[in-house]
Protein backbone atom coordinates (compact mmCIF):
# COMPACT_ATOMS: atom_id res chain seq x y z
CA MET A 1 44.53 -217.19 49.77
CA ALA A 2 45.16 -214.13 47.78
CA LYS A 3 42.13 -212.76 45.89
CA ASN A 4 42.12 -211.63 42.25
CA SER A 5 41.55 -207.85 41.84
CA THR A 6 39.07 -208.59 39.08
CA LYS A 7 36.57 -209.81 41.56
CA GLY A 8 33.15 -209.72 40.16
CA ARG A 9 34.44 -209.35 36.55
CA PRO A 10 35.44 -212.27 34.32
CA ALA A 11 39.14 -212.28 33.25
CA GLY A 12 38.16 -212.40 29.55
CA ASN A 13 36.20 -209.19 29.85
CA ALA A 14 39.13 -207.39 31.43
CA ARG A 15 41.43 -208.49 28.62
CA GLN A 16 38.91 -207.40 25.99
CA ALA A 17 38.63 -203.99 27.64
CA LYS A 18 42.40 -203.53 27.41
CA ILE A 19 42.39 -204.49 23.71
CA GLN A 20 39.59 -202.04 22.94
CA ALA A 21 41.40 -199.27 24.83
CA ALA A 22 44.57 -199.94 22.85
CA GLN A 23 42.60 -199.91 19.57
CA LYS A 24 41.04 -196.56 20.42
CA SER A 25 44.43 -195.10 21.24
CA SER A 26 46.02 -196.45 18.05
CA GLY A 27 43.06 -195.46 15.90
CA GLY A 28 43.12 -191.88 17.15
CA GLY A 29 46.77 -191.51 16.10
CA ALA A 30 46.11 -192.97 12.68
CA ASN A 31 43.19 -190.62 12.15
CA LYS A 32 45.36 -187.64 13.02
CA ILE A 33 47.96 -188.75 10.45
CA VAL A 34 45.29 -189.22 7.78
CA VAL A 35 43.78 -185.81 8.50
CA ALA A 36 47.20 -184.15 8.42
CA THR A 37 48.00 -185.84 5.11
CA VAL A 38 44.71 -184.70 3.59
CA VAL A 39 45.36 -181.13 4.74
CA VAL A 40 48.82 -181.15 3.12
CA VAL A 41 47.45 -182.57 -0.16
CA VAL A 42 44.67 -179.97 -0.23
CA ALA A 43 47.21 -177.22 0.40
CA ILE A 44 49.43 -178.44 -2.46
CA VAL A 45 46.46 -178.63 -4.81
CA ALA A 46 45.46 -175.11 -3.81
CA VAL A 47 48.96 -173.79 -4.50
CA VAL A 48 49.16 -175.53 -7.89
CA ALA A 49 45.68 -174.28 -8.82
CA GLY A 50 46.70 -170.78 -7.76
CA VAL A 51 49.80 -170.87 -9.95
CA ILE A 52 47.81 -172.14 -12.94
CA TRP A 53 45.15 -169.47 -12.40
CA SER A 54 47.80 -166.78 -12.07
CA GLU A 55 49.58 -167.82 -15.28
CA THR A 56 46.28 -168.15 -17.15
CA SER A 57 45.24 -164.70 -15.94
CA LYS A 58 48.55 -163.21 -17.07
CA LYS A 59 48.19 -164.78 -20.51
CA SER A 60 44.59 -163.60 -20.80
CA ALA A 61 45.65 -160.11 -19.83
CA VAL A 62 48.31 -160.12 -22.55
CA VAL A 63 46.35 -161.80 -25.35
CA GLY A 64 42.91 -160.43 -24.61
CA SER A 65 40.53 -161.38 -27.41
CA GLY A 66 43.28 -162.86 -29.57
CA LYS A 67 42.71 -160.07 -32.07
CA GLU A 68 44.69 -157.38 -30.33
CA LEU A 69 45.85 -154.30 -32.26
CA PRO A 70 49.19 -152.54 -31.75
CA PRO A 71 49.11 -149.00 -30.32
CA GLY A 72 47.66 -146.54 -32.82
CA VAL A 73 46.26 -149.18 -35.19
CA THR A 74 42.54 -148.78 -35.76
CA ALA A 75 41.53 -152.11 -37.32
CA LEU A 76 42.79 -155.51 -38.40
CA GLY A 77 44.60 -155.21 -41.70
CA ALA A 78 45.51 -151.55 -41.17
CA GLY A 79 49.12 -150.40 -41.09
CA TYR A 80 51.08 -149.33 -38.03
CA PRO A 81 51.57 -145.53 -37.76
CA ALA A 82 55.18 -144.84 -36.77
CA PHE A 83 56.14 -141.81 -34.67
CA SER A 84 52.51 -141.20 -33.81
CA ASP A 85 53.60 -138.75 -31.11
CA VAL A 86 54.96 -136.39 -33.80
CA THR A 87 52.68 -133.65 -35.12
CA PRO A 88 52.96 -133.68 -38.94
CA VAL A 89 53.44 -130.42 -40.81
CA ALA A 90 50.51 -129.09 -42.77
CA GLY A 91 49.94 -131.14 -45.90
CA ALA A 92 52.48 -133.83 -45.00
CA PRO A 93 51.97 -136.83 -47.32
CA THR A 94 51.54 -140.43 -46.14
CA LEU A 95 54.28 -142.92 -46.95
CA ASP A 96 53.12 -146.54 -46.73
CA LEU A 97 56.05 -148.92 -46.41
CA TYR A 98 55.49 -152.65 -46.94
CA GLU A 99 58.24 -154.87 -45.54
CA ASP A 100 58.93 -158.43 -44.40
CA PHE A 101 61.53 -158.89 -41.66
CA GLN A 102 63.11 -161.82 -43.53
CA CYS A 103 63.36 -159.92 -46.82
CA PRO A 104 66.99 -159.25 -47.92
CA ALA A 105 65.83 -156.48 -50.29
CA CYS A 106 64.11 -154.81 -47.32
CA LYS A 107 67.40 -154.85 -45.44
CA SER A 108 69.10 -153.25 -48.45
CA PHE A 109 66.38 -150.58 -48.52
CA GLU A 110 66.76 -149.94 -44.79
CA ASP A 111 70.54 -149.73 -45.10
CA GLN A 112 70.25 -147.11 -47.85
CA PHE A 113 67.02 -145.25 -47.10
CA GLY A 114 66.08 -146.11 -43.51
CA GLN A 115 67.69 -143.16 -41.78
CA THR A 116 66.31 -140.69 -44.33
CA VAL A 117 62.78 -142.03 -43.93
CA GLU A 118 63.02 -141.93 -40.14
CA ASP A 119 64.41 -138.40 -40.11
CA LEU A 120 61.61 -137.15 -42.34
CA ALA A 121 59.01 -138.89 -40.15
CA LYS A 122 60.52 -137.54 -36.92
CA ALA A 123 60.43 -134.04 -38.41
CA GLY A 124 56.77 -134.48 -39.30
CA LYS A 125 57.49 -134.07 -43.00
CA VAL A 126 55.92 -137.42 -43.83
CA LYS A 127 53.39 -139.65 -42.09
CA LEU A 128 55.10 -143.04 -42.06
CA VAL A 129 52.94 -146.17 -41.92
CA TYR A 130 54.47 -149.66 -41.74
CA HIS A 131 52.70 -152.67 -43.21
CA VAL A 132 54.63 -155.66 -41.87
CA LYS A 133 54.07 -158.68 -44.08
CA ASN A 134 54.84 -162.37 -43.51
CA PHE A 135 54.59 -163.97 -46.97
CA LEU A 136 58.19 -165.20 -46.75
CA ASP A 137 57.14 -167.69 -44.08
CA ASP A 138 55.48 -169.73 -46.83
CA ASN A 139 58.33 -169.19 -49.29
CA LEU A 140 61.03 -170.18 -46.80
CA GLY A 141 59.12 -172.85 -44.91
CA ASN A 142 59.38 -171.24 -41.47
CA THR A 143 57.45 -168.83 -39.24
CA TRP A 144 60.11 -166.22 -38.48
CA SER A 145 58.54 -163.35 -40.41
CA THR A 146 55.46 -163.72 -38.22
CA GLN A 147 57.50 -164.22 -35.06
CA ALA A 148 59.66 -161.17 -35.73
CA ALA A 149 56.62 -159.03 -36.56
CA ASN A 150 54.85 -160.15 -33.39
CA ALA A 151 58.01 -159.34 -31.42
CA ALA A 152 58.18 -155.88 -33.00
CA PHE A 153 54.61 -155.05 -32.06
CA CYS A 154 55.19 -156.38 -28.55
CA ALA A 155 58.05 -153.84 -28.48
CA ALA A 156 55.56 -151.21 -29.66
CA ASP A 157 53.64 -151.78 -26.43
CA ALA A 158 56.76 -150.47 -24.66
CA GLY A 159 57.10 -147.58 -27.12
CA LYS A 160 60.09 -149.23 -28.81
CA PHE A 161 58.80 -150.37 -32.21
CA GLN A 162 61.22 -148.32 -34.29
CA GLU A 163 64.21 -149.31 -32.20
CA PHE A 164 63.29 -153.01 -32.47
CA HIS A 165 62.60 -152.64 -36.21
CA ASP A 166 66.05 -151.14 -36.76
CA GLN A 167 67.78 -153.83 -34.68
CA ALA A 168 66.04 -156.60 -36.61
CA TYR A 169 67.18 -155.27 -40.00
CA ALA A 170 70.68 -154.42 -38.82
CA ASN A 171 71.07 -158.02 -37.61
CA GLN A 172 68.99 -159.84 -40.22
CA PRO A 173 70.14 -163.47 -40.64
CA THR A 174 70.98 -164.94 -44.02
CA GLU A 175 67.89 -165.71 -46.10
CA GLY A 176 66.24 -168.91 -44.98
CA ALA A 177 68.16 -169.16 -41.70
CA GLY A 178 65.48 -167.27 -39.80
CA PHE A 179 65.70 -165.56 -36.45
CA THR A 180 65.70 -167.36 -33.13
CA ASP A 181 63.68 -166.65 -30.01
CA ALA A 182 66.88 -165.65 -28.23
CA GLN A 183 67.85 -163.22 -31.01
CA LEU A 184 64.46 -161.53 -30.95
CA LYS A 185 64.73 -161.08 -27.19
CA GLN A 186 68.21 -159.60 -27.68
CA PHE A 187 66.73 -157.11 -30.17
CA ALA A 188 64.13 -156.13 -27.56
CA GLN A 189 66.85 -155.58 -24.99
CA ALA A 190 69.02 -153.65 -27.46
CA ALA A 191 65.96 -151.51 -28.24
CA GLY A 192 65.96 -150.40 -24.61
CA ILE A 193 63.36 -152.73 -23.08
CA SER A 194 64.33 -153.98 -19.63
CA GLY A 195 63.00 -154.91 -16.20
CA ALA A 196 59.24 -155.28 -15.88
CA ALA A 197 58.76 -154.05 -19.46
CA LEU A 198 60.96 -156.89 -20.73
CA THR A 199 58.94 -159.40 -18.72
CA THR A 200 55.76 -158.04 -20.31
CA TRP A 201 57.41 -158.16 -23.74
CA GLN A 202 58.31 -161.81 -23.18
CA GLN A 203 54.76 -162.67 -22.12
CA CYS A 204 53.42 -160.86 -25.17
CA TYR A 205 55.86 -162.66 -27.47
CA ASP A 206 55.25 -166.11 -25.95
CA ALA A 207 51.49 -165.64 -26.16
CA GLY A 208 51.61 -164.53 -29.81
CA LYS A 209 49.56 -161.47 -28.95
CA TYR A 210 49.82 -159.89 -32.41
CA VAL A 211 49.98 -162.97 -34.66
CA THR A 212 46.39 -162.52 -35.83
CA TYR A 213 47.04 -158.86 -36.58
CA VAL A 214 50.20 -159.69 -38.57
CA GLN A 215 48.32 -162.19 -40.72
CA SER A 216 45.53 -159.67 -41.28
CA VAL A 217 48.07 -157.17 -42.65
CA GLU A 218 49.44 -159.80 -45.01
CA ASP A 219 45.95 -160.69 -46.24
CA SER A 220 44.90 -157.06 -46.63
CA SER A 221 48.03 -155.98 -48.50
CA ALA A 222 47.84 -159.01 -50.79
CA ARG A 223 44.27 -158.05 -51.72
CA GLN A 224 45.61 -154.60 -52.57
CA GLY A 225 48.08 -156.17 -54.98
CA VAL A 226 51.19 -155.81 -52.82
CA THR A 227 52.96 -159.12 -53.36
CA GLY A 228 56.58 -158.06 -53.00
CA THR A 229 58.74 -156.16 -50.54
CA PRO A 230 59.84 -153.50 -50.10
CA THR A 231 56.94 -151.63 -51.66
CA LEU A 232 56.44 -147.91 -51.05
CA LYS A 233 53.32 -145.88 -51.72
CA LEU A 234 53.24 -142.11 -51.43
CA ASN A 235 49.70 -140.86 -50.90
CA GLY A 236 48.50 -144.16 -52.35
CA THR A 237 50.67 -144.11 -55.49
CA GLN A 238 53.40 -146.72 -55.73
CA LEU A 239 56.89 -145.27 -56.06
CA GLY A 240 59.11 -146.43 -58.90
CA ASN A 241 62.80 -146.59 -59.70
CA ALA A 242 63.12 -142.83 -60.27
CA GLU A 243 61.85 -141.92 -56.78
CA LEU A 244 63.94 -144.67 -55.22
CA ALA A 245 67.15 -143.95 -57.11
CA SER A 246 68.64 -142.35 -53.99
CA PRO A 247 67.67 -140.90 -50.59
CA ASP A 248 67.71 -137.44 -52.16
CA ALA A 249 65.32 -138.57 -54.90
CA LEU A 250 62.94 -140.00 -52.29
CA THR A 251 63.16 -136.81 -50.23
CA LYS A 252 62.30 -134.72 -53.30
CA ALA A 253 59.32 -136.95 -54.10
CA ILE A 254 58.02 -136.44 -50.58
CA GLN A 255 58.56 -132.68 -50.77
CA ASP A 256 56.73 -132.52 -54.10
CA ALA A 257 53.80 -134.45 -52.61
CA THR A 258 53.46 -132.06 -49.69
CA LYS A 259 50.34 -129.97 -50.22
């Protein structure tokens, strides 16, 4: 008679041993899959966290304290000194110009007097200071005066404030229509901002880096009694119709104020 090879070991025990061996083999594979899945999930979470941290860091670098000042500005509420790289002539007077980017009268002023004012400032014959207001946001029920001003000061970071300023007035939309984000970016590009500088401009604009500053200028100028635009002050004295009758009249007023 043939003898069973499980001599000395009950058949049930042999079968149970096979089942346990199969379970161990199957369980090991399942554990490997679970571990691999956990590793992948952790990696994805790490990548997402890294992206969020990177974007947050970029925004923090752009916005800073939330009360950032444009280049050359010394305090919240103070005006922006244009052409600060120009050495003024001895006794050159200060011309404070109060404007709102949505103001049609400001566009008319820029069309008639803008080049004269810029030429005098570039020559150091007048110290030009811009006070960019945003009161028309309330009047027109939008936020484009603030947005345009923020965009202009973001351009100032790239040394292109004046170029952006001129583009914005040359292409001012009809009153109440407001600018668009795309238009403001086009002004930045037309001002000569490109490449990495344009990326930084966009981050600055999206973060609203200078919104607090813009509002502070509005509040400060309103306290000083400047409630309309354009308003011009020469050495602190508001100019009237006679001085603003023509570019020549304005030039003479500036010459007469030179000490």
